[in-house]
């Protein structure tokens, strides 16, 4: 909440980087983060650390 301007474009990689900061902050406080909404791609990017550049196609 109040992390991003809804008018901005976000990639899954950017989401993962920002969400990870929030998750780490929550964990440091001894709480359990709950992730909801969005698509599987964004969750995979956060949980699995997907390297999108490695899967890029040329052309």
Protein backbone atom coordinates (compact mmCIF):
# COMPACT_ATOMS: atom_id res chain seq x y z
CA UNK A 1 0.00 0.00 0.00
CA UNK A 2 1.29 3.44 -0.95
CA UNK A 3 4.38 1.96 -2.59
CA UNK A 4 3.71 2.87 -6.21
CA UNK A 5 1.80 5.39 -8.26
CA UNK A 6 -0.89 3.41 -10.11
CA UNK A 7 -0.16 5.47 -13.24
CA UNK A 8 3.40 4.08 -13.45
CA UNK A 9 4.31 1.05 -15.54
CA UNK A 10 5.83 -1.80 -13.56
CA UNK A 11 7.61 -4.90 -14.81
CA UNK A 12 7.59 -8.21 -12.97
CA UNK A 13 11.28 -7.67 -12.20
CA UNK A 14 10.63 -4.25 -10.66
CA UNK A 15 7.70 -5.65 -8.69
CA UNK A 16 9.88 -8.48 -7.35
CA UNK A 17 12.62 -6.08 -6.24
CA UNK A 18 10.21 -3.74 -4.46
CA UNK A 19 8.06 -6.51 -2.99
CA UNK A 20 11.16 -8.26 -1.64
CA UNK A 21 12.05 -5.13 0.34
CA UNK A 22 8.57 -5.12 1.86
CA UNK A 23 8.65 -8.85 2.60
CA UNK A 24 12.05 -8.57 4.30
CA UNK A 25 10.81 -5.66 6.42
CA UNK A 26 7.75 -7.65 7.51
CA UNK A 27 9.88 -10.70 8.36
CA UNK A 28 12.31 -8.57 10.41
CA UNK A 29 9.34 -7.50 12.53
CA UNK A 30 8.53 -11.14 13.24
CA UNK A 31 5.39 -11.12 11.11
CA UNK A 32 4.29 -13.32 8.23
CA UNK A 33 3.75 -11.57 4.87
CA UNK A 34 0.64 -12.43 2.87
CA UNK A 35 0.78 -11.91 -0.88
CA UNK A 36 -2.49 -11.61 -2.79
CA UNK A 37 -3.74 -10.55 -6.20
CA UNK A 38 -1.87 -10.02 -9.42
CA UNK A 39 -0.67 -12.76 -11.74
CA UNK A 40 1.45 -15.85 -11.33
CA UNK A 41 4.24 -14.19 -13.29
CA UNK A 42 4.72 -11.55 -10.61
CA UNK A 43 4.58 -14.08 -7.78
CA UNK A 44 7.08 -16.33 -9.59
CA UNK A 45 9.40 -13.36 -10.07
CA UNK A 46 9.33 -12.71 -6.33
CA UNK A 47 9.42 -16.27 -5.02
CA UNK A 48 11.71 -17.91 -7.58
CA UNK A 49 13.86 -14.92 -8.46
CA UNK A 50 13.24 -15.39 -12.16
CA UNK A 51 16.00 -13.95 -14.34
CA UNK A 52 14.06 -12.56 -17.28
CA UNK A 53 17.18 -11.46 -19.13
CA UNK A 54 18.43 -15.04 -19.33
CA UNK A 55 15.28 -16.08 -21.19
CA UNK A 56 15.32 -13.21 -23.69
CA UNK A 57 14.81 -14.04 -27.32
CA UNK A 58 16.81 -12.31 -29.98
CA UNK A 59 15.04 -10.70 -32.92
